[in-house]
PDB file of N, CA and C in Angstrom:
ATOM      1  N   MET A   1       1.952  -6.041  12.614  1.00  0.00           N
ATOM      2  CA  MET A   1       1.253  -6.820  11.991  1.00  0.00           C
ATOM      3  C   MET A   1       1.910  -8.320  11.911  1.00  0.00           C
ATOM      4  N   ASN A   2       1.164  -9.072  12.092  1.00  0.00           N
ATOM      5  CA  ASN A   2       1.972 -10.294  12.337  1.00  0.00           C
ATOM      6  C   ASN A   2       2.336 -11.070  10.759  1.00  0.00           C
ATOM      7  N   LYS A   3       3.058 -11.892  10.707  1.00  0.00           N
ATOM      8  CA  LYS A   3       3.631 -12.748   9.635  1.00  0.00           C
ATOM      9  C   LYS A   3       2.598 -13.060   8.583  1.00  0.00           C
ATOM     10  N   SER A   4       1.220 -13.690   9.055  1.00  0.00           N
ATOM     11  CA  SER A   4       0.522 -14.475   8.223  1.00  0.00           C
ATOM     12  C   SER A   4      -0.223 -13.309   7.899  1.00  0.00           C
ATOM     13  N   LYS A   5      -0.640 -12.004   8.377  1.00  0.00           N
ATOM     14  CA  LYS A   5      -1.603 -10.906   7.628  1.00  0.00           C
ATOM     15  C   LYS A   5      -0.756 -10.239   6.597  1.00  0.00           C
ATOM     16  N   LEU A   6       0.526 -10.164   7.060  1.00  0.00           N
ATOM     17  CA  LEU A   6       1.617  -9.526   5.973  1.00  0.00           C
ATOM     18  C   LEU A   6       1.500 -10.301   4.768  1.00  0.00           C
ATOM     19  N   ARG A   7       1.848 -11.770   4.863  1.00  0.00           N
ATOM     20  CA  ARG A   7       1.641 -12.618   3.549  1.00  0.00           C
ATOM     21  C   ARG A   7       0.555 -12.795   2.827  1.00  0.00           C
ATOM     22  N   ARG A   8      -0.412 -12.690   3.778  1.00  0.00           N
ATOM     23  CA  ARG A   8      -1.922 -12.199   2.827  1.00  0.00           C
ATOM     24  C   ARG A   8      -2.250 -10.909   1.952  1.00  0.00           C
ATOM     25  N   LYS A   9      -1.427  -9.869   2.732  1.00  0.00           N
ATOM     26  CA  LYS A   9      -1.379  -8.766   2.117  1.00  0.00           C
ATOM     27  C   LYS A   9      -0.449  -8.587   0.862  1.00  0.00           C
ATOM     28  N   ILE A  10       0.801  -9.319   0.743  1.00  0.00           N
ATOM     29  CA  ILE A  10       1.647  -9.301  -0.250  1.00  0.00           C
ATOM     30  C   ILE A  10       1.131  -9.805  -1.337  1.00  0.00           C
ATOM     31  N   THR A  11       0.520 -11.140  -0.893  1.00  0.00           N
ATOM     32  CA  THR A  11      -0.174 -12.126  -2.198  1.00  0.00           C
ATOM     33  C   THR A  11      -1.348 -11.488  -2.877  1.00  0.00           C
ATOM     34  N   SER A  12      -2.267 -10.774  -2.095  1.00  0.00           N
ATOM     35  CA  SER A  12      -3.158  -9.695  -2.438  1.00  0.00           C
ATOM     36  C   SER A  12      -2.746  -8.631  -3.729  1.00  0.00           C
ATOM     37  N   LEU A  13      -1.653  -8.149  -3.000  1.00  0.00           N
ATOM     38  CA  LEU A  13      -0.999  -6.961  -4.137  1.00  0.00           C
ATOM     39  C   LEU A  13      -0.449  -7.671  -5.527  1.00  0.00           C
ATOM     40  N   ARG A  14       0.071  -8.915  -5.092  1.00  0.00           N
ATOM     41  CA  ARG A  14       0.756  -9.220  -6.024  1.00  0.00           C
ATOM     42  C   ARG A  14      -0.220  -9.639  -7.378  1.00  0.00           C
ATOM     43  N   LYS A  15      -1.318 -10.295  -6.608  1.00  0.00           N
ATOM     44  CA  LYS A  15      -2.573 -10.416  -7.546  1.00  0.00           C
ATOM     45  C   LYS A  15      -3.312  -9.513  -8.386  1.00  0.00           C
ATOM     46  N   LYS A  16      -3.289  -8.473  -7.498  1.00  0.00           N
ATOM     47  CA  LYS A  16      -3.999  -7.109  -8.105  1.00  0.00           C
ATOM     48  C   LYS A  16      -2.834  -6.558  -9.110  1.00  0.00           C
ATOM     49  N   ASN A  17      -1.518  -6.659  -8.978  1.00  0.00           N
ATOM     50  CA  ASN A  17      -0.624  -5.959  -9.970  1.00  0.00           C
ATOM     51  C   ASN A  17       0.101  -7.014 -10.699  1.00  0.00           C
ATOM     52  N   PHE A  18      -0.514  -8.201 -11.011  1.00  0.00           N
ATOM     53  CA  PHE A  18       0.238  -9.011 -11.668  1.00  0.00           C
ATOM     54  C   PHE A  18       0.133  -9.265 -13.339  1.00  0.00           C
ATOM     55  N   LYS A  19       1.141  -9.159 -14.055  1.00  0.00           N
ATOM     56  CA  LYS A  19       1.174  -8.847 -15.308  1.00  0.00           C
ATOM     57  C   LYS A  19       1.249 -10.408 -16.151  1.00  0.00           C
ATOM     58  N   GLU A  20       0.279 -10.723 -16.948  1.00  0.00           N
ATOM     59  CA  GLU A  20       0.260 -12.157 -17.628  1.00  0.00           C
ATOM     60  C   GLU A  20       2.077 -12.559 -18.060  1.00  0.00           C
ATOM     61  N   ASN A  21       2.354 -13.538 -17.866  1.00  0.00           N
ATOM     62  CA  ASN A  21       3.802 -13.857 -18.198  1.00  0.00           C
ATOM     63  C   ASN A  21       4.907 -12.929 -18.315  1.00  0.00           C
ATOM     64  N   PHE A  22       4.728 -12.264 -17.002  1.00  0.00           N
ATOM     65  CA  PHE A  22       5.622 -11.658 -16.281  1.00  0.00           C
ATOM     66  C   PHE A  22       7.088 -12.213 -16.227  1.00  0.00           C
ATOM     67  N   LYS A  23       8.098 -12.074 -17.022  1.00  0.00           N
ATOM     68  CA  LYS A  23       9.462 -12.653 -16.838  1.00  0.00           C
ATOM     69  C   LYS A  23      10.575 -11.441 -16.713  1.00  0.00           C
ATOM     70  N   ILE A  24      11.817 -12.395 -16.345  1.00  0.00           N
ATOM     71  CA  ILE A  24      12.820 -11.650 -16.240  1.00  0.00           C
ATOM     72  C   ILE A  24      13.848 -11.337 -17.763  1.00  0.00           C
ATOM     73  N   ASN A  25      14.033 -10.298 -17.824  1.00  0.00           N
ATOM     74  CA  ASN A  25      14.868  -9.900 -19.251  1.00  0.00           C
ATOM     75  C   ASN A  25      16.204 -10.481 -19.297  1.00  0.00           C
ATOM     76  N   SER A  26      16.269 -11.672 -19.604  1.00  0.00           N
ATOM     77  CA  SER A  26      17.476 -12.537 -19.805  1.00  0.00           C
ATOM     78  C   SER A  26      18.914 -11.675 -20.075  1.00  0.00           C
ATOM     79  N   LEU A  27      18.645 -10.864 -21.318  1.00  0.00           N
ATOM     80  CA  LEU A  27      19.645 -10.270 -21.802  1.00  0.00           C
ATOM     81  C   LEU A  27      20.332  -9.005 -20.923  1.00  0.00           C
ATOM     82  N   LYS A  28      19.242  -8.386 -20.289  1.00  0.00           N
ATOM     83  CA  LYS A  28      19.627  -7.433 -19.333  1.00  0.00           C
ATOM     84  C   LYS A  28      20.514  -8.029 -18.203  1.00  0.00           C
ATOM     85  N   LEU A  29      19.876  -9.206 -17.669  1.00  0.00           N
ATOM     86  CA  LEU A  29      20.795 -10.001 -16.527  1.00  0.00           C
ATOM     87  C   LEU A  29      22.011 -10.386 -16.934  1.00  0.00           C
ATOM     88  N   ILE A  30      22.297 -10.552 -18.034  1.00  0.00           N
ATOM     89  CA  ILE A  30      23.663 -11.261 -18.588  1.00  0.00           C
ATOM     90  C   ILE A  30      24.377  -9.896 -18.314  1.00  0.00           C
ATOM     91  N   LYS A  31      23.865  -9.044 -19.475  1.00  0.00           N
ATOM     92  CA  LYS A  31      24.693  -7.958 -19.326  1.00  0.00           C
ATOM     93  C   LYS A  31      25.215  -7.225 -17.834  1.00  0.00           C
ATOM     94  N   PHE A  32      24.147  -6.997 -16.973  1.00  0.00           N
ATOM     95  CA  PHE A  32      24.308  -6.644 -15.364  1.00  0.00           C
ATOM     96  C   PHE A  32      25.379  -7.471 -14.956  1.00  0.00           C
ATOM     97  N   LEU A  33      25.507  -8.741 -15.058  1.00  0.00           N
ATOM     98  CA  LEU A  33      26.458  -9.771 -14.471  1.00  0.00           C
ATOM     99  C   LEU A  33      27.673  -9.565 -15.104  1.00  0.00           C
ATOM    100  N   LYS A  34      28.039  -9.150 -16.626  1.00  0.00           N
ATOM    101  CA  LYS A  34      29.197  -8.783 -16.871  1.00  0.00           C
ATOM    102  C   LYS A  34      29.687  -7.820 -16.569  1.00  0.00           C
ATOM    103  N   ASP A  35      29.041  -6.418 -16.652  1.00  0.00           N
ATOM    104  CA  ASP A  35      29.538  -5.194 -16.262  1.00  0.00           C
ATOM    105  C   ASP A  35      29.681  -5.263 -14.977  1.00  0.00           C
ATOM    106  N   ASN A  36      29.458  -5.990 -13.860  1.00  0.00           N
ATOM    107  CA  ASN A  36      29.819  -6.234 -12.744  1.00  0.00           C
ATOM    108  C   ASN A  36      30.869  -7.251 -12.252  1.00  0.00           C
ATOM    109  N   LYS A  37      31.308  -7.887 -13.415  1.00  0.00           N
ATOM    110  CA  LYS A  37      32.225  -9.028 -13.253  1.00  0.00           C
ATOM    111  C   LYS A  37      31.876  -9.913 -12.148  1.00  0.00           C
ATOM    112  N   LEU A  38      30.593 -10.038 -12.295  1.00  0.00           N
ATOM    113  CA  LEU A  38      29.973 -11.115 -11.367  1.00  0.00           C
ATOM    114  C   LEU A  38      30.067 -12.496 -11.926  1.00  0.00           C
ATOM    115  N   LYS A  39      30.939 -13.428 -11.400  1.00  0.00           N
ATOM    116  CA  LYS A  39      30.971 -14.800 -12.127  1.00  0.00           C
ATOM    117  C   LYS A  39      30.570 -15.827 -10.868  1.00  0.00           C
ATOM    118  N   THR A  40      29.868 -16.998 -11.300  1.00  0.00           N
ATOM    119  CA  THR A  40      29.339 -18.054 -10.342  1.00  0.00           C
ATOM    120  C   THR A  40      29.360 -19.353 -11.219  1.00  0.00           C
ATOM    121  N   ARG A  41      29.464 -20.468 -10.504  1.00  0.00           N
ATOM    122  CA  ARG A  41      29.097 -21.648 -11.204  1.00  0.00           C
ATOM    123  C   ARG A  41      27.759 -22.058 -10.725  1.00  0.00           C
ATOM    124  N   ILE A  42      27.430 -21.768  -9.588  1.00  0.00           N
ATOM    125  CA  ILE A  42      26.029 -21.999  -9.072  1.00  0.00           C
ATOM    126  C   ILE A  42      24.757 -20.776  -8.972  1.00  0.00           C
ATOM    127  N   VAL A  43      23.577 -21.017  -9.467  1.00  0.00           N
ATOM    128  CA  VAL A  43      22.711 -20.148  -9.481  1.00  0.00           C
ATOM    129  C   VAL A  43      21.645 -20.774  -8.902  1.00  0.00           C
ATOM    130  N   GLY A  44      20.998 -19.944  -8.268  1.00  0.00           N
ATOM    131  CA  GLY A  44      19.525 -20.397  -7.187  1.00  0.00           C
ATOM    132  C   GLY A  44      18.509 -20.011  -8.067  1.00  0.00           C
ATOM    133  N   GLY A  45      17.441 -20.699  -7.630  1.00  0.00           N
ATOM    134  CA  GLY A  45      16.088 -20.122  -8.612  1.00  0.00           C
ATOM    135  C   GLY A  45      14.694 -20.704  -7.978  1.00  0.00           C
ATOM    136  N   TYR A  46      13.687 -20.730  -8.572  1.00  0.00           N
ATOM    137  CA  TYR A  46      12.725 -21.580  -7.698  1.00  0.00           C
ATOM    138  C   TYR A  46      11.569 -21.584  -9.246  1.00  0.00           C
ATOM    139  N   TYR A  47      10.907 -22.429  -9.111  1.00  0.00           N
ATOM    140  CA  TYR A  47       9.711 -22.471  -9.726  1.00  0.00           C
ATOM    141  C   TYR A  47       8.354 -21.596  -9.279  1.00  0.00           C
ATOM    142  N   PRO A  48       8.001 -20.624 -10.543  1.00  0.00           N
ATOM    143  CA  PRO A  48       7.217 -19.643 -10.064  1.00  0.00           C
ATOM    144  C   PRO A  48       5.787 -20.064  -9.593  1.00  0.00           C
ATOM    145  N   CYS A  49       5.099 -19.549  -8.878  1.00  0.00           N
ATOM    146  CA  CYS A  49       3.498 -19.700  -8.511  1.00  0.00           C
ATOM    147  C   CYS A  49       3.071 -18.892  -7.520  1.00  0.00           C
ATOM    148  N   ASN A  50       1.763 -18.718  -7.545  1.00  0.00           N
ATOM    149  CA  ASN A  50       0.970 -17.609  -6.875  1.00  0.00           C
ATOM    150  C   ASN A  50       1.379 -16.190  -7.358  1.00  0.00           C
ATOM    151  N   HIS A  51       1.709 -15.981  -8.695  1.00  0.00           N
ATOM    152  CA  HIS A  51       1.864 -14.752  -9.192  1.00  0.00           C
ATOM    153  C   HIS A  51       3.035 -14.211  -9.208  1.00  0.00           C
ATOM    154  N   GLU A  52       4.226 -15.331  -8.944  1.00  0.00           N
ATOM    155  CA  GLU A  52       5.644 -14.456  -8.656  1.00  0.00           C
ATOM    156  C   GLU A  52       5.897 -14.595 -10.371  1.00  0.00           C
ATOM    157  N   ILE A  53       7.402 -13.753 -10.475  1.00  0.00           N
ATOM    158  CA  ILE A  53       7.809 -13.575 -11.378  1.00  0.00           C
ATOM    159  C   ILE A  53       8.639 -14.974 -12.016  1.00  0.00           C
ATOM    160  N   ASP A  54       8.423 -15.328 -13.490  1.00  0.00           N
ATOM    161  CA  ASP A  54       8.518 -16.113 -13.939  1.00  0.00           C
ATOM    162  C   ASP A  54      10.324 -16.354 -14.302  1.00  0.00           C
ATOM    163  N   ASP A  55      11.190 -17.116 -13.795  1.00  0.00           N
ATOM    164  CA  ASP A  55      12.386 -17.107 -13.917  1.00  0.00           C
ATOM    165  C   ASP A  55      12.960 -18.320 -14.498  1.00  0.00           C
ATOM    166  N   LEU A  56      12.096 -19.010 -15.391  1.00  0.00           N
ATOM    167  CA  LEU A  56      12.398 -20.361 -15.324  1.00  0.00           C
ATOM    168  C   LEU A  56      13.474 -19.990 -17.118  1.00  0.00           C
ATOM    169  N   GLU A  57      13.003 -19.243 -17.589  1.00  0.00           N
ATOM    170  CA  GLU A  57      13.731 -18.747 -18.901  1.00  0.00           C
ATOM    171  C   GLU A  57      15.248 -18.725 -19.015  1.00  0.00           C
ATOM    172  N   VAL A  58      15.447 -17.624 -17.809  1.00  0.00           N
ATOM    173  CA  VAL A  58      16.847 -17.417 -17.150  1.00  0.00           C
ATOM    174  C   VAL A  58      17.613 -18.719 -16.628  1.00  0.00           C
ATOM    175  N   LEU A  59      16.945 -19.627 -15.878  1.00  0.00           N
ATOM    176  CA  LEU A  59      17.256 -20.500 -15.534  1.00  0.00           C
ATOM    177  C   LEU A  59      17.925 -21.562 -16.290  1.00  0.00           C
ATOM    178  N   ASN A  60      16.922 -21.586 -17.449  1.00  0.00           N
ATOM    179  CA  ASN A  60      17.229 -22.503 -18.481  1.00  0.00           C
ATOM    180  C   ASN A  60      18.613 -22.065 -19.553  1.00  0.00           C
ATOM    181  N   LEU A  61      18.411 -21.051 -19.613  1.00  0.00           N
ATOM    182  CA  LEU A  61      19.786 -20.035 -20.088  1.00  0.00           C
ATOM    183  C   LEU A  61      21.122 -20.381 -19.187  1.00  0.00           C
ATOM    184  N   PHE A  62      21.072 -20.299 -18.034  1.00  0.00           N
ATOM    185  CA  PHE A  62      22.098 -20.535 -17.162  1.00  0.00           C
ATOM    186  C   PHE A  62      22.330 -22.138 -17.293  1.00  0.00           C
ATOM    187  N   SER A  63      21.562 -23.006 -17.468  1.00  0.00           N
ATOM    188  CA  SER A  63      21.853 -24.268 -17.399  1.00  0.00           C
ATOM    189  C   SER A  63      22.457 -24.785 -18.780  1.00  0.00           C
ATOM    190  N   LYS A  64      22.203 -23.821 -20.107  1.00  0.00           N
ATOM    191  CA  LYS A  64      22.755 -24.178 -21.204  1.00  0.00           C
ATOM    192  C   LYS A  64      24.024 -23.763 -21.131  1.00  0.00           C
ATOM    193  N   ASN A  65      24.903 -22.585 -20.226  1.00  0.00           N
ATOM    194  CA  ASN A  65      25.833 -22.316 -20.399  1.00  0.00           C
ATOM    195  C   ASN A  65      26.483 -22.915 -19.084  1.00  0.00           C
ATOM    196  N   LYS A  66      26.140 -24.251 -18.603  1.00  0.00           N
ATOM    197  CA  LYS A  66      26.719 -25.312 -18.056  1.00  0.00           C
ATOM    198  C   LYS A  66      26.894 -24.560 -16.289  1.00  0.00           C
ATOM    199  N   LYS A  67      26.122 -24.043 -15.857  1.00  0.00           N
ATOM    200  CA  LYS A  67      26.107 -23.729 -14.228  1.00  0.00           C
ATOM    201  C   LYS A  67      25.003 -24.613 -13.913  1.00  0.00           C
ATOM    202  N   ILE A  68      25.238 -24.524 -12.558  1.00  0.00           N
ATOM    203  CA  ILE A  68      24.661 -25.712 -11.459  1.00  0.00           C
ATOM    204  C   ILE A  68      23.400 -24.947 -11.091  1.00  0.00           C
ATOM    205  N   ILE A  69      22.137 -25.436 -11.345  1.00  0.00           N
ATOM    206  CA  ILE A  69      21.209 -24.786 -10.820  1.00  0.00           C
ATOM    207  C   ILE A  69      20.720 -25.211  -9.445  1.00  0.00           C
ATOM    208  N   SER A  70      20.450 -24.351  -8.502  1.00  0.00           N
ATOM    209  CA  SER A  70      20.005 -24.707  -7.273  1.00  0.00           C
ATOM    210  C   SER A  70      18.568 -24.675  -6.919  1.00  0.00           C
ATOM    211  N   LEU A  71      17.818 -25.704  -6.852  1.00  0.00           N
ATOM    212  CA  LEU A  71      16.470 -25.350  -6.491  1.00  0.00           C
ATOM    213  C   LEU A  71      15.814 -25.992  -5.392  1.00  0.00           C
ATOM    214  N   PRO A  72      14.894 -25.268  -4.560  1.00  0.00           N
ATOM    215  CA  PRO A  72      14.608 -25.837  -3.260  1.00  0.00           C
ATOM    216  C   PRO A  72      13.294 -26.912  -3.413  1.00  0.00           C
ATOM    217  N   ILE A  73      13.772 -28.001  -2.324  1.00  0.00           N
ATOM    218  CA  ILE A  73      12.675 -28.945  -2.585  1.00  0.00           C
ATOM    219  C   ILE A  73      11.937 -28.864  -1.375  1.00  0.00           C
ATOM    220  N   ILE A  74      10.615 -29.086  -1.573  1.00  0.00           N
ATOM    221  CA  ILE A  74       9.410 -28.806  -0.441  1.00  0.00           C
ATOM    222  C   ILE A  74       8.788 -29.992  -0.369  1.00  0.00           C
ATOM    223  N   GLU A  75       8.773 -30.789   1.050  1.00  0.00           N
ATOM    224  CA  GLU A  75       8.348 -32.027   1.642  1.00  0.00           C
ATOM    225  C   GLU A  75       7.449 -31.823   2.453  1.00  0.00           C
ATOM    226  N   ASN A  76       6.095 -31.916   2.353  1.00  0.00           N
ATOM    227  CA  ASN A  76       5.078 -31.888   3.207  1.00  0.00           C
ATOM    228  C   ASN A  76       5.171 -30.521   3.808  1.00  0.00           C
ATOM    229  N   ASN A  77       5.079 -29.644   2.695  1.00  0.00           N
ATOM    230  CA  ASN A  77       4.973 -28.206   3.097  1.00  0.00           C
ATOM    231  C   ASN A  77       6.148 -27.347   4.042  1.00  0.00           C
ATOM    232  N   ASN A  78       7.167 -28.160   4.114  1.00  0.00           N
ATOM    233  CA  ASN A  78       8.510 -27.660   4.820  1.00  0.00           C
ATOM    234  C   ASN A  78       9.592 -27.638   3.802  1.00  0.00           C
ATOM    235  N   LEU A  79      10.083 -26.581   3.962  1.00  0.00           N
ATOM    236  CA  LEU A  79      11.829 -26.478   3.077  1.00  0.00           C
ATOM    237  C   LEU A  79      12.542 -27.054   3.982  1.00  0.00           C
ATOM    238  N   LYS A  80      12.993 -28.383   3.093  1.00  0.00           N
ATOM    239  CA  LYS A  80      14.051 -29.298   3.539  1.00  0.00           C
ATOM    240  C   LYS A  80      15.648 -28.734   2.850  1.00  0.00           C
ATOM    241  N   LYS A  81      15.870 -28.849   2.073  1.00  0.00           N
ATOM    242  CA  LYS A  81      16.921 -28.817   1.609  1.00  0.00           C
ATOM    243  C   LYS A  81      17.095 -28.181  -0.016  1.00  0.00           C
ATOM    244  N   LEU A  82      18.302 -27.852  -0.230  1.00  0.00           N
ATOM    245  CA  LEU A  82      18.451 -27.476  -1.569  1.00  0.00           C
ATOM    246  C   LEU A  82      19.166 -28.526  -2.571  1.00  0.00           C
ATOM    247  N   LYS A  83      18.332 -28.704  -3.554  1.00  0.00           N
ATOM    248  CA  LYS A  83      18.767 -29.575  -4.564  1.00  0.00           C
ATOM    249  C   LYS A  83      19.339 -29.334  -5.879  1.00  0.00           C
ATOM    250  N   LEU A  84      20.782 -29.354  -6.002  1.00  0.00           N
ATOM    251  CA  LEU A  84      21.269 -29.023  -6.997  1.00  0.00           C
ATOM    252  C   LEU A  84      21.275 -29.912  -8.118  1.00  0.00           C
ATOM    253  N   LYS A  85      20.810 -29.146  -9.392  1.00  0.00           N
ATOM    254  CA  LYS A  85      20.268 -29.903 -10.492  1.00  0.00           C
ATOM    255  C   LYS A  85      21.210 -29.012 -11.668  1.00  0.00           C
ATOM    256  N   LYS A  86      21.777 -30.031 -12.437  1.00  0.00           N
ATOM    257  CA  LYS A  86      22.693 -29.676 -13.492  1.00  0.00           C
ATOM    258  C   LYS A  86      22.011 -29.739 -14.856  1.00  0.00           C
ATOM    259  N   ARG A  87      20.849 -30.325 -15.031  1.00  0.00           N
ATOM    260  CA  ARG A  87      20.330 -30.510 -16.530  1.00  0.00           C
ATOM    261  C   ARG A  87      19.148 -29.641 -16.713  1.00  0.00           C
ATOM    262  N   SER A  88      18.426 -29.546 -18.112  1.00  0.00           N
ATOM    263  CA  SER A  88      17.711 -28.451 -18.349  1.00  0.00           C
ATOM    264  C   SER A  88      16.405 -28.740 -17.643  1.00  0.00           C
ATOM    265  N   LEU A  89      15.840 -27.162 -17.376  1.00  0.00           N
ATOM    266  CA  LEU A  89      14.533 -27.538 -16.449  1.00  0.00           C
ATOM    267  C   LEU A  89      13.527 -27.893 -17.127  1.00  0.00           C
ATOM    268  N   ARG A  90      13.649 -27.909 -18.264  1.00  0.00           N
ATOM    269  CA  ARG A  90      12.194 -27.877 -19.367  1.00  0.00           C
ATOM    270  C   ARG A  90      11.774 -29.463 -18.959  1.00  0.00           C
TER     271      ARG A  90
END
């Protein structure tokens, strides 16, 4: 199966199985990071679209805790670079 067919198939499955307002559980994520002693100053994320999981609440939580948020910048439908963002995502 080529890449474009695979992408269409996965997008179709997402639409079919998508739950409205599906979000990451912030408390479970923080507990997981603490339990595994994972510490970082930079956190990567994305703006959800096309039935992706909403991670903005978690990114805002990290931002409030003085973490640097790294988001991709898309120009002309091409991923060019990562932008480091230190402010709230609202």
